[in-house]
Structures are given as structure tokens and as C-alpha cells.
Amino acid sequence: MKAKKSANSKVPSRALHAKSRKDSCTNNVHPDVILDADEALRYILGRLTKLEDEVAPIKIENKELKKRNGYLESQHRQDLAKIKKQNAEICTLKARLDKLEKPKKASHNRNTPPSKEDIAASEERKRTKSLREPSGKKSGGQPGHKGSTLQREERSDFYVEVPLDNCPDCGEDLSNVSGIQKMTRQMIDINFPAPVITQYSILEKVCPNCGHTVCSEFPEGVNGDVFYGPNVQALVVYLCDAHPVSFPRIKRLMSDMLHPYLRERTITNIVQRPASRVL
């Protein structure tokens, strides 16, 4: 009697695979999921190794890029500092160039009167550089230096007594109360000179003895109809010789202080006149 074949032996392999898939799906397990833990671990390790091999060159490239980026940032900072320094030098050179090409109008380089001269330009022109080398000493009077101060004059031209008519504390009338001199102070001042006009007149008379008509003569030096006296001439020569003041400034000074109209030609004649230098 022939043995019976098992039910599985009669089923084809494809049917068995389908059945296994069906059984797997019945057990809620995906057919592609590896149930063997060792095999899954080997798969994960292999995948990690592959990913590490792919990431390694990227890490190297990233490191090189970071190094390059740091170098470029350092170079950029140096370039910015250099540009800032160059801009400052350009501004300084432009200012010097403008100053040389277009100097400020002043009395020494333009037909600008000193009264309309810029204050900054005037101060810059007047500023001089001392050739003396520094001594290392402090400025001001040195130890042992003999000092000088303003001294009182023995003679006073005017006396002014400051009144005290009322008591500053209670307001009592002190006009009839005698007082003593507590303190004195002196003020030294000058009077501005004013022109003194002197008119010379000569007389005409008839001599009763000879019948001739005679007249007096003007004193020596009284030559013109209107002229400047010896003191004005002496002041002009003093300003020109002792203090090298220009003729326009002498003219302005005489006009401001003495109020006579003094032309530059007249100043020239006074300075060149020998008699005026003897005054």
C-alpha cells in the first residue's frame, strides 16, 4: 500500500510563499521586515559605514571652507581698516589742497581791508613760530626773578570822595555825620587827544609918521592857509619810524583819534621833510 503524501508536498513553492505572505499579513508583520536581530544589526552597521564613508569627504571639505572663510574675514577686516585710513588721508590732503589753491581772502593776499578780514585768517597770519628751543622750565616767572607791580603815584589830578548818605544796615541818614578816610584807590587813565585849532591873524596899520600901510608877518612855520602843526607831524614820524606803521594805518589812526583829514601824500611829505625829524 502506497504511503500518502503530505499536504505540503503537493503544494507548489509559489503557493507556499503566498501562504507565508498571507500568514505574515495575518500576523500584522510586513513581509520585507527582517525578523532576525543579528541580520538587522549587520544591515544597520553596513548602512552606517556606508554613510560615514560618504560624509568623511564632506567633513574635510567643510573644514577647508571654514579655514578659508576665517582667512577671508580677517582679510576683509584689514581691508576695511586700510580703506578707513586712506579715506582720512584723502580728506586731509583735500583740505591742504583747497587751502593752497584757494587761500582765504585777507589783507596780505587780496584787496581786502583789514576791517573786513576774516578773524581766523587774521589770527593765522599773525601767528608766528618761535625759533627758540624749549628749555624745560615752567612758564612764568622763575625763582629769584625780581617782580614788578603797579605803584601808586604821589600826585593825583582829581579827587573823588564816595558819599555815604545812609546807613546800609538800618537806613539812618548819615549826611550830617562826619567820617574818616578808610581806604583809597588810584585809577590811571588818559584823555583822548582832541585837535586844537589855532588861528593866526596878521594886522594891517597905517603909520602916522610916514603914512605907509604896513602889516605884521606870520610866525615861522605858519606857511599855508591850513596846515598841520609840529605835534601832529612829530606823531606821524614817531609812528612811522619807531613803530613801523603803514601809511594807510597812520591815516586811519589820525582820522579815528584826532579827526583831521590826512592824506597819504601828506604823510609822505611829513616823513620825508627834514625839519619834522628834528621835532
Protein backbone atom coordinates (compact mmCIF):
# COMPACT_ATOMS: atom_id res chain seq x y z
CA MET A 1 0.00 0.00 0.00
CA LYS A 2 1.39 3.37 -1.05
CA ALA A 3 2.10 5.95 1.66
CA LYS A 4 0.11 9.10 1.50
CA LYS A 5 1.97 12.25 0.54
CA SER A 6 1.84 15.13 2.92
CA ALA A 7 -0.39 18.03 2.06
CA ASN A 8 2.55 20.41 1.85
CA SER A 9 4.47 18.24 -0.54
CA LYS A 10 1.73 18.53 -3.11
CA VAL A 11 1.57 22.34 -2.83
CA PRO A 12 3.88 24.30 -5.19
CA SER A 13 6.62 26.60 -3.77
CA ARG A 14 4.88 29.65 -5.12
CA ALA A 15 1.79 28.74 -3.26
CA LEU A 16 3.78 28.18 -0.12
CA HIS A 17 5.39 31.64 -0.48
CA ALA A 18 1.99 33.18 -0.96
CA LYS A 19 0.74 31.34 2.02
CA SER A 20 3.63 32.54 4.10
CA ARG A 21 2.94 36.07 2.97
CA LYS A 22 -0.70 35.58 3.84
CA ASP A 23 0.26 34.24 7.24
CA SER A 24 2.63 37.13 7.78
CA CYS A 25 -0.04 39.62 6.85
CA THR A 26 -2.40 37.79 9.15
CA ASN A 27 0.15 38.26 11.99
CA ASN A 28 0.39 42.04 11.12
CA VAL A 29 4.11 41.77 10.10
CA HIS A 30 5.34 43.19 6.80
CA PRO A 31 6.94 40.56 4.59
CA ASP A 32 10.09 42.72 3.96
CA VAL A 33 10.80 43.20 7.67
CA ILE A 34 13.78 41.19 8.85
CA LEU A 35 12.84 39.30 11.94
CA ASP A 36 16.41 38.12 12.66
CA ALA A 37 18.10 40.61 15.09
CA ASP A 38 21.65 39.76 14.05
CA GLU A 39 20.88 40.23 10.43
CA ALA A 40 19.18 43.58 11.16
CA LEU A 41 22.20 44.74 13.18
CA ARG A 42 24.58 43.79 10.39
CA TYR A 43 22.41 45.67 7.94
CA ILE A 44 22.35 48.81 10.12
CA LEU A 45 26.13 48.70 10.69
CA GLY A 46 26.76 48.34 6.99
CA ARG A 47 24.48 51.25 6.25
CA LEU A 48 26.23 53.40 8.88
CA THR A 49 29.64 52.51 7.48
CA LYS A 50 28.50 53.49 4.01
CA LEU A 51 27.10 56.82 5.29
CA GLU A 52 30.31 57.55 7.21
CA ASP A 53 32.33 56.94 4.06
CA GLU A 54 30.08 59.37 2.20
CA VAL A 55 30.25 62.06 4.99
CA ALA A 56 34.04 61.91 5.51
CA PRO A 57 34.98 63.92 2.37
CA ILE A 58 32.18 66.39 3.17
CA LYS A 59 33.68 66.97 6.63
CA ILE A 60 37.10 67.57 5.12
CA GLU A 61 35.64 69.99 2.59
CA ASN A 62 33.67 71.79 5.32
CA LYS A 63 36.84 72.17 7.43
CA GLU A 64 38.70 73.67 4.46
CA LEU A 65 35.80 76.05 3.79
CA LYS A 66 35.76 77.20 7.41
CA LYS A 67 39.50 77.83 7.28
CA ARG A 68 39.12 79.74 4.03
CA ASN A 69 36.20 81.73 5.43
CA GLY A 70 38.23 82.73 8.51
CA TYR A 71 41.09 83.91 6.31
CA LEU A 72 38.71 85.94 4.12
CA GLU A 73 37.07 87.54 7.18
CA SER A 74 40.47 88.55 8.56
CA GLN A 75 41.49 89.94 5.18
CA HIS A 76 38.18 91.83 4.98
CA ARG A 77 38.76 93.48 8.37
CA GLN A 78 42.26 94.51 7.34
CA ASP A 79 40.93 95.94 4.07
CA LEU A 80 38.26 97.94 5.93
CA ALA A 81 40.86 99.41 8.31
CA LYS A 82 43.10 100.27 5.37
CA ILE A 83 40.24 101.93 3.48
CA LYS A 84 39.30 103.95 6.58
CA LYS A 85 42.88 105.16 6.97
CA GLN A 86 43.11 106.04 3.28
CA ASN A 87 39.84 108.00 3.43
CA ALA A 88 41.18 110.03 6.37
CA GLU A 89 44.40 110.76 4.47
CA ILE A 90 42.40 111.76 1.39
CA CYS A 91 40.30 114.21 3.42
CA THR A 92 43.45 115.73 4.95
CA LEU A 93 45.13 116.08 1.55
CA LYS A 94 41.99 117.61 0.04
CA ALA A 95 41.85 120.18 2.84
CA ARG A 96 45.52 121.07 2.30
CA LEU A 97 44.99 121.28 -1.45
CA ASP A 98 41.98 123.58 -1.07
CA LYS A 99 43.95 125.73 1.36
CA LEU A 100 46.83 126.07 -1.12
CA GLU A 101 44.72 126.53 -4.23
CA LYS A 102 42.07 128.75 -2.67
CA PRO A 103 43.55 130.61 0.31
CA LYS A 104 41.24 132.72 2.42
CA LYS A 105 40.98 136.31 1.31
CA ALA A 106 42.97 138.54 3.62
CA SER A 107 44.66 141.90 3.56
CA HIS A 108 48.03 140.37 2.65
CA ASN A 109 46.88 138.46 -0.48
CA ARG A 110 43.75 140.30 -1.66
CA ASN A 111 42.44 143.83 -1.87
CA THR A 112 40.52 143.19 1.32
CA PRO A 113 40.72 145.89 4.01
CA PRO A 114 41.79 144.70 7.45
CA SER A 115 38.40 145.70 8.88
CA LYS A 116 36.67 143.11 6.64
CA GLU A 117 39.29 140.41 7.12
CA ASP A 118 38.23 137.03 8.46
CA ILE A 119 39.16 136.65 12.13
CA ALA A 120 40.52 133.13 11.62
CA ALA A 121 42.66 134.26 8.66
CA SER A 122 43.93 137.25 10.64
CA GLU A 123 44.90 135.11 13.62
CA GLU A 124 46.58 132.54 11.37
CA ARG A 125 48.55 135.27 9.62
CA LYS A 126 49.62 136.84 12.90
CA ARG A 127 50.64 133.52 14.41
CA THR A 128 54.43 133.12 14.29
CA LYS A 129 56.60 130.15 15.07
CA SER A 130 59.25 130.72 17.69
CA LEU A 131 62.76 129.57 16.82
CA ARG A 132 63.67 129.26 20.48
CA GLU A 133 64.17 125.72 21.67
CA PRO A 134 62.28 124.62 24.80
CA SER A 135 64.32 124.97 27.99
CA GLY A 136 62.32 122.52 30.07
CA LYS A 137 61.39 125.17 32.62
CA LYS A 138 57.85 126.02 33.64
CA SER A 139 56.24 129.04 32.05
CA GLY A 140 56.04 132.25 34.03
CA GLY A 141 58.41 133.92 36.43
CA GLN A 142 61.35 131.82 37.54
CA PRO A 143 62.61 131.54 41.13
CA GLY A 144 64.75 134.56 42.00
CA HIS A 145 63.10 136.74 39.36
CA LYS A 146 62.55 140.30 40.57
CA GLY A 147 58.87 141.04 40.17
CA SER A 148 57.25 144.37 39.38
CA THR A 149 53.81 145.73 40.15
CA LEU A 150 51.85 148.88 39.51
CA GLN A 151 52.87 151.53 42.01
CA ARG A 152 50.86 154.43 43.41
CA GLU A 153 51.56 157.96 42.24
CA GLU A 154 52.22 160.67 44.80
CA ARG A 155 50.27 163.23 42.79
CA SER A 156 46.61 162.90 41.89
CA ASP A 157 44.92 165.18 39.39
CA PHE A 158 41.39 164.57 40.60
CA TYR A 159 39.96 163.55 43.96
CA VAL A 160 36.65 161.73 44.20
CA GLU A 161 35.05 161.12 47.58
CA VAL A 162 32.49 158.33 47.52
CA PRO A 163 29.48 159.57 49.55
CA LEU A 164 27.82 157.62 52.34
CA ASP A 165 24.45 159.29 52.93
CA ASN A 166 22.56 156.41 54.53
CA CYS A 167 23.43 153.51 56.78
CA PRO A 168 23.36 150.32 54.70
CA ASP A 169 22.21 148.34 57.78
CA CYS A 170 19.33 150.38 59.17
CA GLY A 171 18.85 153.18 56.62
CA GLU A 172 19.64 156.05 59.05
CA ASP A 173 20.53 159.41 57.45
CA LEU A 174 24.31 159.95 57.69
CA SER A 175 24.63 163.12 55.60
CA ASN A 176 25.39 165.27 58.68
CA VAL A 177 27.67 162.70 60.32
CA SER A 178 31.39 163.27 59.89
CA GLY A 179 33.58 160.39 58.75
CA ILE A 180 37.21 159.39 58.37
CA GLN A 181 39.06 158.23 55.27
CA LYS A 182 39.02 154.41 55.36
CA MET A 183 40.79 153.42 52.14
CA THR A 184 41.95 154.96 48.86
CA ARG A 185 42.46 153.58 45.40
CA GLN A 186 44.03 155.18 42.33
CA MET A 187 42.97 154.87 38.70
CA ILE A 188 45.48 155.77 35.99
CA ASP A 189 43.86 156.82 32.73
CA ILE A 190 44.47 159.10 29.79
CA ASN A 191 42.42 161.69 27.98
CA PHE A 192 41.98 161.07 24.29
CA PRO A 193 43.69 163.83 22.36
CA ALA A 194 41.46 166.31 20.60
CA PRO A 195 42.62 168.60 17.79
CA VAL A 196 43.48 172.11 18.90
CA ILE A 197 42.76 174.68 16.21
CA THR A 198 44.90 177.82 16.36
CA GLN A 199 44.06 180.70 14.00
CA TYR A 200 46.79 183.20 13.23
CA SER A 201 45.81 186.71 12.12
CA ILE A 202 48.07 189.46 10.88
CA LEU A 203 47.23 193.12 11.34
CA GLU A 204 47.38 195.96 8.87
CA LYS A 205 48.07 199.51 10.10
CA VAL A 206 48.84 202.93 8.70
CA CYS A 207 51.96 204.52 10.12
CA PRO A 208 51.12 208.04 11.34
CA ASN A 209 54.73 209.12 10.83
CA CYS A 210 55.43 208.08 7.25
CA GLY A 211 51.94 207.33 6.11
CA HIS A 212 52.82 203.86 4.86
CA THR A 213 50.41 200.95 5.19
CA VAL A 214 52.21 198.14 6.97
CA CYS A 215 51.18 194.68 8.19
CA SER A 216 52.58 192.09 10.55
CA GLU A 217 54.11 188.81 9.38
CA PHE A 218 53.11 185.24 10.18
CA PRO A 219 55.47 183.38 12.52
CA GLU A 220 58.00 180.96 11.13
CA GLY A 221 56.38 177.70 10.13
CA VAL A 222 52.94 179.24 9.56
CA ASN A 223 53.16 178.94 5.80
CA GLY A 224 49.96 177.52 4.37
CA ASP A 225 46.36 178.53 4.63
CA VAL A 226 45.59 175.33 6.59
CA PHE A 227 48.40 173.06 7.76
CA TYR A 228 49.35 170.56 10.42
CA GLY A 229 51.24 171.70 13.45
CA PRO A 230 54.56 170.37 14.80
CA ASN A 231 52.95 167.92 17.27
CA VAL A 232 50.92 166.19 14.57
CA GLN A 233 53.99 165.95 12.36
CA ALA A 234 56.07 164.57 15.24
CA LEU A 235 53.41 161.89 15.95
CA VAL A 236 53.37 160.83 12.30
CA VAL A 237 57.17 160.47 12.20
CA TYR A 238 57.14 158.60 15.53
CA LEU A 239 54.58 156.07 14.29
CA CYS A 240 56.45 155.57 11.04
CA ASP A 241 59.96 155.26 12.46
CA ALA A 242 59.68 153.90 16.00
CA HIS A 243 56.70 151.67 15.18
CA PRO A 244 56.75 150.63 11.51
CA VAL A 245 53.11 151.51 10.90
CA SER A 246 51.98 151.66 7.29
CA PHE A 247 50.73 154.90 5.81
CA PRO A 248 47.11 153.66 5.47
CA ARG A 249 47.10 152.69 9.15
CA ILE A 250 48.58 156.04 10.18
CA LYS A 251 45.87 157.75 8.15
CA ARG A 252 43.16 155.70 9.85
CA LEU A 253 44.63 156.25 13.32
CA MET A 254 44.78 160.01 12.85
CA SER A 255 41.25 160.01 11.50
CA ASP A 256 39.90 157.99 14.46
CA MET A 257 41.73 159.82 17.26
CA LEU A 258 42.39 163.37 16.02
CA HIS A 259 39.70 163.67 13.35
CA PRO A 260 41.76 165.57 10.79
CA TYR A 261 41.67 164.53 7.16
CA LEU A 262 45.23 163.30 6.50
CA ARG A 263 46.09 162.08 3.03
CA GLU A 264 48.81 159.53 2.38
CA ARG A 265 50.65 162.05 0.22
CA THR A 266 50.70 164.46 3.16
CA ILE A 267 52.08 161.69 5.41
CA THR A 268 54.82 161.05 2.84
CA ASN A 269 55.75 164.75 2.77
CA ILE A 270 55.86 164.92 6.57
CA VAL A 271 58.07 161.83 6.85
CA GLN A 272 60.45 163.00 4.12
CA ARG A 273 60.65 166.57 5.45
CA PRO A 274 63.94 167.02 7.32
CA ALA A 275 62.53 169.61 9.71
CA SER A 276 59.89 167.20 11.01
CA ARG A 277 62.55 164.71 12.12
CA VAL A 278 64.14 167.33 14.34
CA LEU A 279 60.87 167.90 16.24
